[in-house]
C-alpha atoms as a PDB file:
ATOM      1  CA  UNK A   1      28.116 -46.895 -30.595  1.00  0.00           C
ATOM      2  CA  UNK A   2      26.195 -45.231 -27.778  1.00  0.00           C
ATOM      3  CA  UNK A   3      29.210 -45.733 -25.453  1.00  0.00           C
ATOM      4  CA  UNK A   4      31.858 -43.639 -23.782  1.00  0.00           C
ATOM      5  CA  UNK A   5      35.260 -44.735 -25.138  1.00  0.00           C
ATOM      6  CA  UNK A   6      38.710 -43.599 -23.915  1.00  0.00           C
ATOM      7  CA  UNK A   7      42.199 -45.027 -24.100  1.00  0.00           C
ATOM      8  CA  UNK A   8      44.941 -45.774 -21.552  1.00  0.00           C
ATOM      9  CA  UNK A   9      48.299 -47.484 -21.978  1.00  0.00           C
ATOM     10  CA  UNK A  10      47.727 -50.931 -23.594  1.00  0.00           C
ATOM     11  CA  UNK A  11      43.907 -50.647 -23.469  1.00  0.00           C
ATOM     12  CA  UNK A  12      40.787 -49.109 -25.017  1.00  0.00           C
ATOM     13  CA  UNK A  13      38.158 -48.639 -22.346  1.00  0.00           C
ATOM     14  CA  UNK A  14      34.433 -48.762 -23.199  1.00  0.00           C
ATOM     15  CA  UNK A  15      31.554 -47.765 -20.822  1.00  0.00           C
ATOM     16  CA  UNK A  16      28.074 -48.562 -22.130  1.00  0.00           C
ATOM     17  CA  UNK A  17      24.834 -46.733 -21.221  1.00  0.00           C
ATOM     18  CA  UNK A  18      24.291 -49.142 -18.323  1.00  0.00           C
ATOM     19  CA  UNK A  19      27.595 -48.205 -16.794  1.00  0.00           C
ATOM     20  CA  UNK A  20      29.267 -51.512 -17.666  1.00  0.00           C
ATOM     21  CA  UNK A  21      32.980 -51.215 -18.460  1.00  0.00           C
ATOM     22  CA  UNK A  22      34.911 -53.266 -20.972  1.00  0.00           C
ATOM     23  CA  UNK A  23      38.619 -53.218 -21.691  1.00  0.00           C
ATOM     24  CA  UNK A  24      40.006 -54.077 -25.148  1.00  0.00           C
ATOM     25  CA  UNK A  25      43.739 -55.064 -25.223  1.00  0.00           C
ATOM     26  CA  UNK A  26      45.867 -53.066 -27.669  1.00  0.00           C
ATOM     27  CA  UNK A  27      49.487 -52.851 -26.739  1.00  0.00           C
ATOM     28  CA  UNK A  28      51.144 -49.401 -26.771  1.00  0.00           C
ATOM     29  CA  UNK A  29      49.368 -46.042 -26.486  1.00  0.00           C
ATOM     30  CA  UNK A  30      46.315 -46.702 -28.712  1.00  0.00           C
ATOM     31  CA  UNK A  31      44.237 -44.126 -30.518  1.00  0.00           C
ATOM     32  CA  UNK A  32      40.795 -45.008 -31.830  1.00  0.00           C
ATOM     33  CA  UNK A  33      37.750 -43.972 -33.830  1.00  0.00           C
ATOM     34  CA  UNK A  34      34.254 -45.481 -34.098  1.00  0.00           C
ATOM     35  CA  UNK A  35      31.138 -45.677 -36.158  1.00  0.00           C
ATOM     36  CA  UNK A  36      27.854 -47.315 -35.403  1.00  0.00           C
ATOM     37  CA  UNK A  37      28.948 -50.880 -36.183  1.00  0.00           C
ATOM     38  CA  UNK A  38      32.732 -51.031 -35.424  1.00  0.00           C
ATOM     39  CA  UNK A  39      35.590 -49.624 -33.449  1.00  0.00           C
ATOM     40  CA  UNK A  40      39.075 -49.183 -34.881  1.00  0.00           C
ATOM     41  CA  UNK A  41      42.208 -48.748 -32.761  1.00  0.00           C
ATOM     42  CA  UNK A  42      45.831 -48.241 -33.762  1.00  0.00           C
ATOM     43  CA  UNK A  43      49.171 -47.961 -31.980  1.00  0.00           C
ATOM     44  CA  UNK A  44      52.908 -48.410 -32.256  1.00  0.00           C
ATOM     45  CA  UNK A  45      53.942 -51.961 -31.218  1.00  0.00           C
ATOM     46  CA  UNK A  46      57.438 -51.066 -30.018  1.00  0.00           C
ATOM     47  CA  UNK A  47      59.064 -53.164 -32.761  1.00  0.00           C
ATOM     48  CA  UNK A  48      59.013 -50.877 -35.776  1.00  0.00           C
ATOM     49  CA  UNK A  49      55.289 -51.296 -36.843  1.00  0.00           C
ATOM     50  CA  UNK A  50      51.993 -49.550 -36.344  1.00  0.00           C
ATOM     51  CA  UNK A  51      49.157 -52.040 -35.737  1.00  0.00           C
ATOM     52  CA  UNK A  52      45.489 -51.518 -36.565  1.00  0.00           C
ATOM     53  CA  UNK A  53      42.760 -53.556 -34.916  1.00  0.00           C
ATOM     54  CA  UNK A  54      39.109 -53.642 -36.080  1.00  0.00           C
ATOM     55  CA  UNK A  55      36.620 -54.521 -33.345  1.00  0.00           C
ATOM     56  CA  UNK A  56      33.035 -55.678 -33.896  1.00  0.00           C
ATOM     57  CA  UNK A  57      30.273 -54.179 -31.789  1.00  0.00           C
ATOM     58  CA  UNK A  58      29.678 -56.544 -28.853  1.00  0.00           C
ATOM     59  CA  UNK A  59      27.280 -59.424 -28.701  1.00  0.00           C
ATOM     60  CA  UNK A  60      26.279 -60.331 -25.128  1.00  0.00           C
ATOM     61  CA  UNK A  61      28.948 -57.897 -23.916  1.00  0.00           C
ATOM     62  CA  UNK A  62      31.860 -59.619 -25.718  1.00  0.00           C
ATOM     63  CA  UNK A  63      34.108 -57.468 -27.965  1.00  0.00           C
ATOM     64  CA  UNK A  64      35.946 -59.390 -30.712  1.00  0.00           C
ATOM     65  CA  UNK A  65      38.523 -58.498 -33.351  1.00  0.00           C
ATOM     66  CA  UNK A  66      36.749 -58.701 -36.704  1.00  0.00           C
ATOM     67  CA  UNK A  67      40.087 -59.377 -38.485  1.00  0.00           C
ATOM     68  CA  UNK A  68      43.566 -60.394 -37.408  1.00  0.00           C
ATOM     69  CA  UNK A  69      45.624 -57.321 -36.326  1.00  0.00           C
ATOM     70  CA  UNK A  70      46.815 -55.380 -39.382  1.00  0.00           C
ATOM     71  CA  UNK A  71      50.532 -54.686 -39.582  1.00  0.00           C
ATOM     72  CA  UNK A  72      49.694 -51.525 -41.420  1.00  0.00           C
ATOM     73  CA  UNK A  73      52.536 -48.982 -41.438  1.00  0.00           C
ATOM     74  CA  UNK A  74      56.190 -48.569 -40.505  1.00  0.00           C
ATOM     75  CA  UNK A  75      55.927 -44.774 -39.785  1.00  0.00           C
ATOM     76  CA  UNK A  76      53.368 -43.008 -37.590  1.00  0.00           C
ATOM     77  CA  UNK A  77      49.743 -43.222 -38.726  1.00  0.00           C
ATOM     78  CA  UNK A  78      48.687 -39.668 -39.397  1.00  0.00           C
ATOM     79  CA  UNK A  79      45.035 -40.058 -40.386  1.00  0.00           C
ATOM     80  CA  UNK A  80      42.354 -42.803 -40.492  1.00  0.00           C
ATOM     81  CA  UNK A  81      38.870 -42.485 -42.047  1.00  0.00           C
ATOM     82  CA  UNK A  82      35.909 -44.849 -42.806  1.00  0.00           C
ATOM     83  CA  UNK A  83      34.271 -45.213 -46.237  1.00  0.00           C
ATOM     84  CA  UNK A  84      31.426 -47.702 -46.624  1.00  0.00           C
ATOM     85  CA  UNK A  85      33.146 -51.123 -46.340  1.00  0.00           C
ATOM     86  CA  UNK A  86      36.660 -49.752 -46.388  1.00  0.00           C
ATOM     87  CA  UNK A  87      39.107 -48.133 -43.988  1.00  0.00           C
ATOM     88  CA  UNK A  88      41.782 -45.676 -45.268  1.00  0.00           C
ATOM     89  CA  UNK A  89      44.938 -45.035 -43.304  1.00  0.00           C
ATOM     90  CA  UNK A  90      47.863 -42.658 -44.122  1.00  0.00           C
ATOM     91  CA  UNK A  91      51.365 -42.206 -42.811  1.00  0.00           C
ATOM     92  CA  UNK A  92      54.191 -39.999 -43.918  1.00  0.00           C
ATOM     93  CA  UNK A  93      54.874 -42.043 -47.059  1.00  0.00           C
ATOM     94  CA  UNK A  94      51.750 -43.893 -48.181  1.00  0.00           C
ATOM     95  CA  UNK A  95      47.956 -44.063 -48.007  1.00  0.00           C
ATOM     96  CA  UNK A  96      46.327 -47.558 -47.978  1.00  0.00           C
ATOM     97  CA  UNK A  97      42.706 -48.589 -48.551  1.00  0.00           C
ATOM     98  CA  UNK A  98      41.717 -51.661 -46.468  1.00  0.00           C
ATOM     99  CA  UNK A  99      38.820 -54.089 -46.753  1.00  0.00           C
ATOM    100  CA  UNK A 100      37.105 -53.654 -43.421  1.00  0.00           C
ATOM    101  CA  UNK A 101      35.704 -57.187 -43.413  1.00  0.00           C
ATOM    102  CA  UNK A 102      38.938 -59.019 -44.080  1.00  0.00           C
ATOM    103  CA  UNK A 103      41.651 -56.549 -43.076  1.00  0.00           C
ATOM    104  CA  UNK A 104      43.341 -57.037 -46.450  1.00  0.00           C
ATOM    105  CA  UNK A 105      44.706 -54.140 -48.472  1.00  0.00           C
ATOM    106  CA  UNK A 106      42.689 -53.135 -51.559  1.00  0.00           C
ATOM    107  CA  UNK A 107      44.795 -50.293 -52.939  1.00  0.00           C
ATOM    108  CA  UNK A 108      47.932 -48.303 -52.314  1.00  0.00           C
ATOM    109  CA  UNK A 109      47.244 -44.678 -53.350  1.00  0.00           C
ATOM    110  CA  UNK A 110      50.053 -42.648 -54.830  1.00  0.00           C
ATOM    111  CA  UNK A 111      48.853 -39.494 -53.140  1.00  0.00           C
ATOM    112  CA  UNK A 112      50.030 -36.567 -51.102  1.00  0.00           C
ATOM    113  CA  UNK A 113      51.950 -38.808 -48.705  1.00  0.00           C
ATOM    114  CA  UNK A 114      54.507 -39.685 -51.353  1.00  0.00           C
ATOM    115  CA  UNK A 115      56.574 -36.553 -50.718  1.00  0.00           C
ATOM    116  CA  UNK A 116      57.042 -37.335 -47.038  1.00  0.00           C
ATOM    117  CA  UNK A 117      54.488 -34.742 -45.953  1.00  0.00           C
ATOM    118  CA  UNK A 118      51.594 -36.670 -44.362  1.00  0.00           C
ATOM    119  CA  UNK A 119      48.121 -36.045 -45.659  1.00  0.00           C
ATOM    120  CA  UNK A 120      44.965 -35.301 -43.786  1.00  0.00           C
ATOM    121  CA  UNK A 121      42.085 -37.484 -45.006  1.00  0.00           C
ATOM    122  CA  UNK A 122      38.408 -36.707 -45.521  1.00  0.00           C
ATOM    123  CA  UNK A 123      35.686 -38.879 -46.995  1.00  0.00           C
ATOM    124  CA  UNK A 124      32.725 -37.275 -48.768  1.00  0.00           C
ATOM    125  CA  UNK A 125      29.846 -39.775 -48.918  1.00  0.00           C
ATOM    126  CA  UNK A 126      27.898 -39.742 -52.152  1.00  0.00           C
ATOM    127  CA  UNK A 127      24.743 -41.583 -53.072  1.00  0.00           C
ATOM    128  CA  UNK A 128      26.511 -44.192 -55.220  1.00  0.00           C
ATOM    129  CA  UNK A 129      30.195 -43.789 -54.454  1.00  0.00           C
ATOM    130  CA  UNK A 130      32.478 -41.973 -52.013  1.00  0.00           C
ATOM    131  CA  UNK A 131      35.265 -39.559 -52.752  1.00  0.00           C
ATOM    132  CA  UNK A 132      38.453 -39.254 -50.682  1.00  0.00           C
ATOM    133  CA  UNK A 133      40.137 -35.843 -50.121  1.00  0.00           C
ATOM    134  CA  UNK A 134      43.850 -36.278 -49.365  1.00  0.00           C
ATOM    135  CA  UNK A 135      45.351 -32.913 -48.336  1.00  0.00           C
ATOM    136  CA  UNK A 136      48.686 -31.656 -47.055  1.00  0.00           C
ATOM    137  CA  UNK A 137      50.511 -28.315 -46.915  1.00  0.00           C
ATOM    138  CA  UNK A 138      51.226 -28.437 -50.672  1.00  0.00           C
ATOM    139  CA  UNK A 139      47.784 -29.139 -52.097  1.00  0.00           C
ATOM    140  CA  UNK A 140      45.064 -31.795 -52.321  1.00  0.00           C
ATOM    141  CA  UNK A 141      44.042 -34.849 -54.347  1.00  0.00           C
ATOM    142  CA  UNK A 142      40.470 -36.072 -54.906  1.00  0.00           C
ATOM    143  CA  UNK A 143      40.037 -39.874 -55.378  1.00  0.00           C
ATOM    144  CA  UNK A 144      36.995 -41.912 -56.447  1.00  0.00           C
ATOM    145  CA  UNK A 145      36.900 -44.792 -53.906  1.00  0.00           C
ATOM    146  CA  UNK A 146      35.056 -47.135 -56.283  1.00  0.00           C
ATOM    147  CA  UNK A 147      37.465 -46.947 -59.247  1.00  0.00           C
ATOM    148  CA  UNK A 148      40.499 -45.673 -57.199  1.00  0.00           C
ATOM    149  CA  UNK A 149      40.979 -43.080 -59.916  1.00  0.00           C
ATOM    150  CA  UNK A 150      42.587 -39.771 -58.984  1.00  0.00           C
ATOM    151  CA  UNK A 151      40.047 -37.205 -60.274  1.00  0.00           C
ATOM    152  CA  UNK A 152      41.816 -34.031 -59.277  1.00  0.00           C
ATOM    153  CA  UNK A 153      45.341 -33.070 -58.177  1.00  0.00           C
ATOM    154  CA  UNK A 154      45.612 -29.441 -57.100  1.00  0.00           C
ATOM    155  CA  UNK A 155      48.593 -27.468 -55.808  1.00  0.00           C
ATOM    156  CA  UNK A 156      48.254 -24.565 -53.409  1.00  0.00           C
ATOM    157  CA  UNK A 157      49.650 -21.233 -54.467  1.00  0.00           C
ATOM    158  CA  UNK A 158      51.526 -20.843 -51.199  1.00  0.00           C
ATOM    159  CA  UNK A 159      52.760 -23.104 -48.368  1.00  0.00           C
ATOM    160  CA  UNK A 160      49.843 -23.792 -46.045  1.00  0.00           C
ATOM    161  CA  UNK A 161      51.546 -25.001 -42.850  1.00  0.00           C
ATOM    162  CA  UNK A 162      51.260 -28.315 -41.140  1.00  0.00           C
ATOM    163  CA  UNK A 163      47.837 -27.762 -39.489  1.00  0.00           C
ATOM    164  CA  UNK A 164      45.247 -28.668 -42.103  1.00  0.00           C
ATOM    165  CA  UNK A 165      41.667 -28.631 -40.795  1.00  0.00           C
ATOM    166  CA  UNK A 166      39.192 -30.302 -43.200  1.00  0.00           C
ATOM    167  CA  UNK A 167      35.395 -30.672 -43.178  1.00  0.00           C
ATOM    168  CA  UNK A 168      32.844 -31.945 -45.631  1.00  0.00           C
ATOM    169  CA  UNK A 169      30.047 -29.609 -46.659  1.00  0.00           C
ATOM    170  CA  UNK A 170      27.139 -31.776 -47.917  1.00  0.00           C
ATOM    171  CA  UNK A 171      28.019 -34.375 -50.518  1.00  0.00           C
ATOM    172  CA  UNK A 172      29.475 -32.032 -53.202  1.00  0.00           C
ATOM    173  CA  UNK A 173      31.821 -29.649 -51.408  1.00  0.00           C
ATOM    174  CA  UNK A 174      34.510 -29.593 -48.748  1.00  0.00           C
ATOM    175  CA  UNK A 175      36.247 -26.964 -46.603  1.00  0.00           C
ATOM    176  CA  UNK A 176      39.936 -26.323 -45.969  1.00  0.00           C
ATOM    177  CA  UNK A 177      41.571 -24.039 -43.498  1.00  0.00           C
ATOM    178  CA  UNK A 178      44.000 -22.156 -45.763  1.00  0.00           C
ATOM    179  CA  UNK A 179      46.089 -20.060 -43.411  1.00  0.00           C
ATOM    180  CA  UNK A 180      43.704 -17.481 -41.887  1.00  0.00           C
ATOM    181  CA  UNK A 181      41.150 -18.048 -44.669  1.00  0.00           C
ATOM    182  CA  UNK A 182      38.495 -20.695 -44.994  1.00  0.00           C
ATOM    183  CA  UNK A 183      38.031 -21.986 -48.508  1.00  0.00           C
ATOM    184  CA  UNK A 184      35.174 -24.036 -49.908  1.00  0.00           C
ATOM    185  CA  UNK A 185      35.969 -26.326 -52.922  1.00  0.00           C
ATOM    186  CA  UNK A 186      33.747 -28.437 -55.149  1.00  0.00           C
ATOM    187  CA  UNK A 187      34.633 -31.938 -56.303  1.00  0.00           C
ATOM    188  CA  UNK A 188      36.188 -30.554 -59.422  1.00  0.00           C
ATOM    189  CA  UNK A 189      38.809 -28.862 -57.197  1.00  0.00           C
ATOM    190  CA  UNK A 190      37.436 -25.342 -57.862  1.00  0.00           C
ATOM    191  CA  UNK A 191      37.343 -22.856 -55.048  1.00  0.00           C
ATOM    192  CA  UNK A 192      33.754 -21.566 -54.926  1.00  0.00           C
ATOM    193  CA  UNK A 193      33.839 -19.444 -51.753  1.00  0.00           C
ATOM    194  CA  UNK A 194      36.403 -17.816 -49.522  1.00  0.00           C
ATOM    195  CA  UNK A 195      35.592 -16.776 -45.916  1.00  0.00           C
ATOM    196  CA  UNK A 196      37.805 -14.015 -44.583  1.00  0.00           C
ATOM    197  CA  UNK A 197      37.962 -12.507 -41.124  1.00  0.00           C
ATOM    198  CA  UNK A 198      40.429 -14.459 -38.915  1.00  0.00           C
ATOM    199  CA  UNK A 199      43.761 -12.800 -38.267  1.00  0.00           C
ATOM    200  CA  UNK A 200      45.714 -15.993 -37.721  1.00  0.00           C
ATOM    201  CA  UNK A 201      45.557 -19.668 -38.930  1.00  0.00           C
ATOM    202  CA  UNK A 202      42.316 -21.573 -38.745  1.00  0.00           C
ATOM    203  CA  UNK A 203      42.654 -24.544 -36.385  1.00  0.00           C
ATOM    204  CA  UNK A 204      39.226 -26.183 -36.380  1.00  0.00           C
ATOM    205  CA  UNK A 205      36.134 -26.348 -38.605  1.00  0.00           C
ATOM    206  CA  UNK A 206      32.591 -27.426 -37.589  1.00  0.00           C
ATOM    207  CA  UNK A 207      29.572 -27.575 -39.918  1.00  0.00           C
ATOM    208  CA  UNK A 208      26.152 -27.347 -38.249  1.00  0.00           C
ATOM    209  CA  UNK A 209      23.398 -29.116 -40.125  1.00  0.00           C
ATOM    210  CA  UNK A 210      19.580 -28.976 -40.030  1.00  0.00           C
ATOM    211  CA  UNK A 211      18.230 -32.489 -40.120  1.00  0.00           C
ATOM    212  CA  UNK A 212      15.158 -33.144 -42.298  1.00  0.00           C
ATOM    213  CA  UNK A 213      11.744 -33.433 -40.697  1.00  0.00           C
ATOM    214  CA  UNK A 214      11.435 -37.162 -41.541  1.00  0.00           C
ATOM    215  CA  UNK A 215      12.146 -40.415 -39.717  1.00  0.00           C
ATOM    216  CA  UNK A 216      15.842 -40.734 -38.913  1.00  0.00           C
ATOM    217  CA  UNK A 217      16.067 -44.111 -40.699  1.00  0.00           C
ATOM    218  CA  UNK A 218      14.938 -42.474 -43.965  1.00  0.00           C
ATOM    219  CA  UNK A 219      17.200 -39.483 -44.445  1.00  0.00           C
ATOM    220  CA  UNK A 220      20.438 -39.445 -46.488  1.00  0.00           C
ATOM    221  CA  UNK A 221      23.306 -36.990 -46.753  1.00  0.00           C
ATOM    222  CA  UNK A 222      21.689 -35.031 -49.596  1.00  0.00           C
ATOM    223  CA  UNK A 223      18.656 -34.308 -47.324  1.00  0.00           C
ATOM    224  CA  UNK A 224      20.773 -32.321 -44.850  1.00  0.00           C
ATOM    225  CA  UNK A 225      20.926 -28.582 -44.952  1.00  0.00           C
ATOM    226  CA  UNK A 226      24.089 -26.815 -43.824  1.00  0.00           C
ATOM    227  CA  UNK A 227      22.938 -23.973 -41.563  1.00  0.00           C
ATOM    228  CA  UNK A 228      26.221 -22.594 -40.253  1.00  0.00           C
ATOM    229  CA  UNK A 229      29.974 -22.990 -40.512  1.00  0.00           C
ATOM    230  CA  UNK A 230      31.969 -22.487 -37.289  1.00  0.00           C
ATOM    231  CA  UNK A 231      35.740 -21.985 -37.182  1.00  0.00           C
ATOM    232  CA  UNK A 232      38.307 -21.813 -34.387  1.00  0.00           C
ATOM    233  CA  UNK A 233      41.585 -20.081 -34.857  1.00  0.00           C
ATOM    234  CA  UNK A 234      45.099 -19.295 -33.537  1.00  0.00           C
ATOM    235  CA  UNK A 235      43.812 -15.741 -33.081  1.00  0.00           C
ATOM    236  CA  UNK A 236      41.942 -17.102 -30.002  1.00  0.00           C
ATOM    237  CA  UNK A 237      38.466 -16.441 -31.515  1.00  0.00           C
ATOM    238  CA  UNK A 238      35.566 -18.528 -32.887  1.00  0.00           C
ATOM    239  CA  UNK A 239      33.584 -17.276 -35.832  1.00  0.00           C
ATOM    240  CA  UNK A 240      30.197 -18.312 -37.082  1.00  0.00           C
ATOM    241  CA  UNK A 241      29.644 -17.938 -40.837  1.00  0.00           C
ATOM    242  CA  UNK A 242      26.719 -17.847 -43.218  1.00  0.00           C
ATOM    243  CA  UNK A 243      27.632 -20.535 -45.827  1.00  0.00           C
ATOM    244  CA  UNK A 244      25.564 -18.977 -48.559  1.00  0.00           C
ATOM    245  CA  UNK A 245      26.933 -15.438 -48.367  1.00  0.00           C
ATOM    246  CA  UNK A 246      30.330 -15.939 -46.748  1.00  0.00           C
ATOM    247  CA  UNK A 247      29.346 -13.343 -44.116  1.00  0.00           C
ATOM    248  CA  UNK A 248      30.737 -13.633 -40.577  1.00  0.00           C
ATOM    249  CA  UNK A 249      27.597 -13.648 -38.360  1.00  0.00           C
ATOM    250  CA  UNK A 250      29.278 -13.673 -34.902  1.00  0.00           C
ATOM    251  CA  UNK A 251      32.687 -13.623 -33.325  1.00  0.00           C
ATOM    252  CA  UNK A 252      32.853 -15.527 -29.980  1.00  0.00           C
ATOM    253  CA  UNK A 253      35.459 -14.497 -27.428  1.00  0.00           C
ATOM    254  CA  UNK A 254      36.830 -15.908 -24.168  1.00  0.00           C
ATOM    255  CA  UNK A 255      39.859 -17.962 -25.045  1.00  0.00           C
ATOM    256  CA  UNK A 256      43.425 -16.719 -24.515  1.00  0.00           C
ATOM    257  CA  UNK A 257      45.151 -19.098 -26.926  1.00  0.00           C
ATOM    258  CA  UNK A 258      44.516 -21.282 -29.982  1.00  0.00           C
ATOM    259  CA  UNK A 259      41.038 -22.912 -30.068  1.00  0.00           C
ATOM    260  CA  UNK A 260      41.634 -26.721 -30.293  1.00  0.00           C
ATOM    261  CA  UNK A 261      38.189 -28.276 -30.024  1.00  0.00           C
ATOM    262  CA  UNK A 262      34.644 -27.343 -31.196  1.00  0.00           C
ATOM    263  CA  UNK A 263      31.512 -29.316 -30.462  1.00  0.00           C
ATOM    264  CA  UNK A 264      27.815 -28.457 -30.719  1.00  0.00           C
ATOM    265  CA  UNK A 265      25.517 -29.848 -28.023  1.00  0.00           C
ATOM    266  CA  UNK A 266      21.913 -28.772 -28.365  1.00  0.00           C
ATOM    267  CA  UNK A 267      21.792 -25.010 -28.701  1.00  0.00           C
ATOM    268  CA  UNK A 268      25.266 -24.520 -27.253  1.00  0.00           C
ATOM    269  CA  UNK A 269      28.807 -24.575 -28.586  1.00  0.00           C
ATOM    270  CA  UNK A 270      31.531 -26.142 -26.397  1.00  0.00           C
ATOM    271  CA  UNK A 271      35.129 -25.203 -27.153  1.00  0.00           C
ATOM    272  CA  UNK A 272      38.522 -25.818 -25.649  1.00  0.00           C
ATOM    273  CA  UNK A 273      41.885 -24.112 -26.060  1.00  0.00           C
ATOM    274  CA  UNK A 274      45.324 -25.680 -26.483  1.00  0.00           C
ATOM    275  CA  UNK A 275      48.012 -24.244 -24.207  1.00  0.00           C
ATOM    276  CA  UNK A 276      45.686 -22.712 -21.598  1.00  0.00           C
ATOM    277  CA  UNK A 277      43.132 -25.475 -21.344  1.00  0.00           C
ATOM    278  CA  UNK A 278      40.005 -23.432 -20.744  1.00  0.00           C
ATOM    279  CA  UNK A 279      36.614 -24.953 -21.673  1.00  0.00           C
ATOM    280  CA  UNK A 280      33.930 -22.476 -22.693  1.00  0.00           C
ATOM    281  CA  UNK A 281      30.281 -22.858 -23.421  1.00  0.00           C
ATOM    282  CA  UNK A 282      28.544 -20.307 -25.689  1.00  0.00           C
ATOM    283  CA  UNK A 283      24.907 -19.888 -26.600  1.00  0.00           C
ATOM    284  CA  UNK A 284      24.828 -20.455 -30.385  1.00  0.00           C
ATOM    285  CA  UNK A 285      21.731 -18.289 -30.917  1.00  0.00           C
ATOM    286  CA  UNK A 286      22.929 -15.200 -29.116  1.00  0.00           C
ATOM    287  CA  UNK A 287      26.675 -15.763 -29.068  1.00  0.00           C
ATOM    288  CA  UNK A 288      26.745 -15.065 -25.359  1.00  0.00           C
ATOM    289  CA  UNK A 289      29.282 -16.751 -23.098  1.00  0.00           C
ATOM    290  CA  UNK A 290      27.403 -19.067 -20.748  1.00  0.00           C
ATOM    291  CA  UNK A 291      30.038 -20.843 -18.749  1.00  0.00           C
ATOM    292  CA  UNK A 292      33.864 -21.039 -18.284  1.00  0.00           C
ATOM    293  CA  UNK A 293      35.720 -23.999 -16.779  1.00  0.00           C
ATOM    294  CA  UNK A 294      39.412 -23.904 -15.815  1.00  0.00           C
ATOM    295  CA  UNK A 295      39.412 -27.326 -14.079  1.00  0.00           C
ATOM    296  CA  UNK A 296      42.042 -28.870 -16.373  1.00  0.00           C
ATOM    297  CA  UNK A 297      45.658 -27.804 -16.044  1.00  0.00           C
ATOM    298  CA  UNK A 298      46.989 -29.333 -19.281  1.00  0.00           C
ATOM    299  CA  UNK A 299      45.831 -29.685 -22.898  1.00  0.00           C
ATOM    300  CA  UNK A 300      42.272 -30.961 -23.284  1.00  0.00           C
ATOM    301  CA  UNK A 301      42.424 -34.020 -25.563  1.00  0.00           C
ATOM    302  CA  UNK A 302      38.718 -34.756 -26.029  1.00  0.00           C
ATOM    303  CA  UNK A 303      35.204 -33.468 -25.422  1.00  0.00           C
ATOM    304  CA  UNK A 304      32.165 -35.744 -25.858  1.00  0.00           C
ATOM    305  CA  UNK A 305      28.510 -35.635 -24.740  1.00  0.00           C
ATOM    306  CA  UNK A 306      27.842 -37.889 -21.752  1.00  0.00           C
ATOM    307  CA  UNK A 307      24.404 -38.447 -20.117  1.00  0.00           C
ATOM    308  CA  UNK A 308      23.260 -34.997 -19.032  1.00  0.00           C
ATOM    309  CA  UNK A 309      26.630 -33.296 -19.405  1.00  0.00           C
ATOM    310  CA  UNK A 310      29.940 -33.567 -21.214  1.00  0.00           C
ATOM    311  CA  UNK A 311      32.994 -35.783 -20.640  1.00  0.00           C
ATOM    312  CA  UNK A 312      36.428 -34.235 -21.030  1.00  0.00           C
ATOM    313  CA  UNK A 313      39.917 -35.715 -20.785  1.00  0.00           C
ATOM    314  CA  UNK A 314      43.344 -34.067 -20.797  1.00  0.00           C
ATOM    315  CA  UNK A 315      47.081 -34.630 -20.810  1.00  0.00           C
ATOM    316  CA  UNK A 316      47.189 -34.395 -17.051  1.00  0.00           C
ATOM    317  CA  UNK A 317      45.583 -37.894 -17.083  1.00  0.00           C
ATOM    318  CA  UNK A 318      42.286 -36.708 -15.513  1.00  0.00           C
ATOM    319  CA  UNK A 319      38.711 -36.909 -16.755  1.00  0.00           C
ATOM    320  CA  UNK A 320      35.896 -34.541 -15.886  1.00  0.00           C
ATOM    321  CA  UNK A 321      32.107 -34.894 -16.264  1.00  0.00           C
END
């Protein structure tokens, strides 16, 4: 959207590139996600329901709800993702596909949420149709989002814990943090590569792509080349992997607890830890530590690029630029 977005009690706050601020009313403690044309927010309404609101990008500075508020779930919303003209939301018991234009439900998926263990969701965009990965500690399902057919249902050999980092890898593969291993699967549910080296659970996954040397309006997902895979872990380290060989290229140090955020900005990697909220900047080419910030005193909740720097927020209710 080209805006800085953050939430406070009862509101979503939007600051555009001109510095103008807009407040969108959403009762409760809203969370949100955005793509280029819409913003989606969701929160508990205090009366037993979790409400989703779909906001259109503003015309003349006016933000409007595209659809009536969606009374979506009766237990906490665990994951929300976009897919073409649909929105998929999951709680502890069900996963629902919504029409993003009308706010009406299209399909209730009998997936990983049915056993009361909430799924993490990931959409892999294909040229003609999208696939949904629904994954929890027991295994994963792969759904075709055009036919709503479950293509694969796979069970893990061992319990994988509640923290389930997921990432797409091009349009034909996806990555799962499987304990202290990183596993790459194809859309048939077959594990094609295992990355080993962490000594504790993987907490975050970031895939670094090379964009094609063509106009940005012309490229598609299949034109992208995955250059590196980056993982953060409960072992306090960050590792950079060669996706073709599975080799660990670099191990980045500096954190003293679990790595909770990873973001690439230019030639640098910005990371934040969970319990001891240190923010670190590494040079991606050399792996050298460039800068450490200990300004926050509680968990860092977000890191985003902002003008000539980065914007961070934390549980101490402060923001830093």
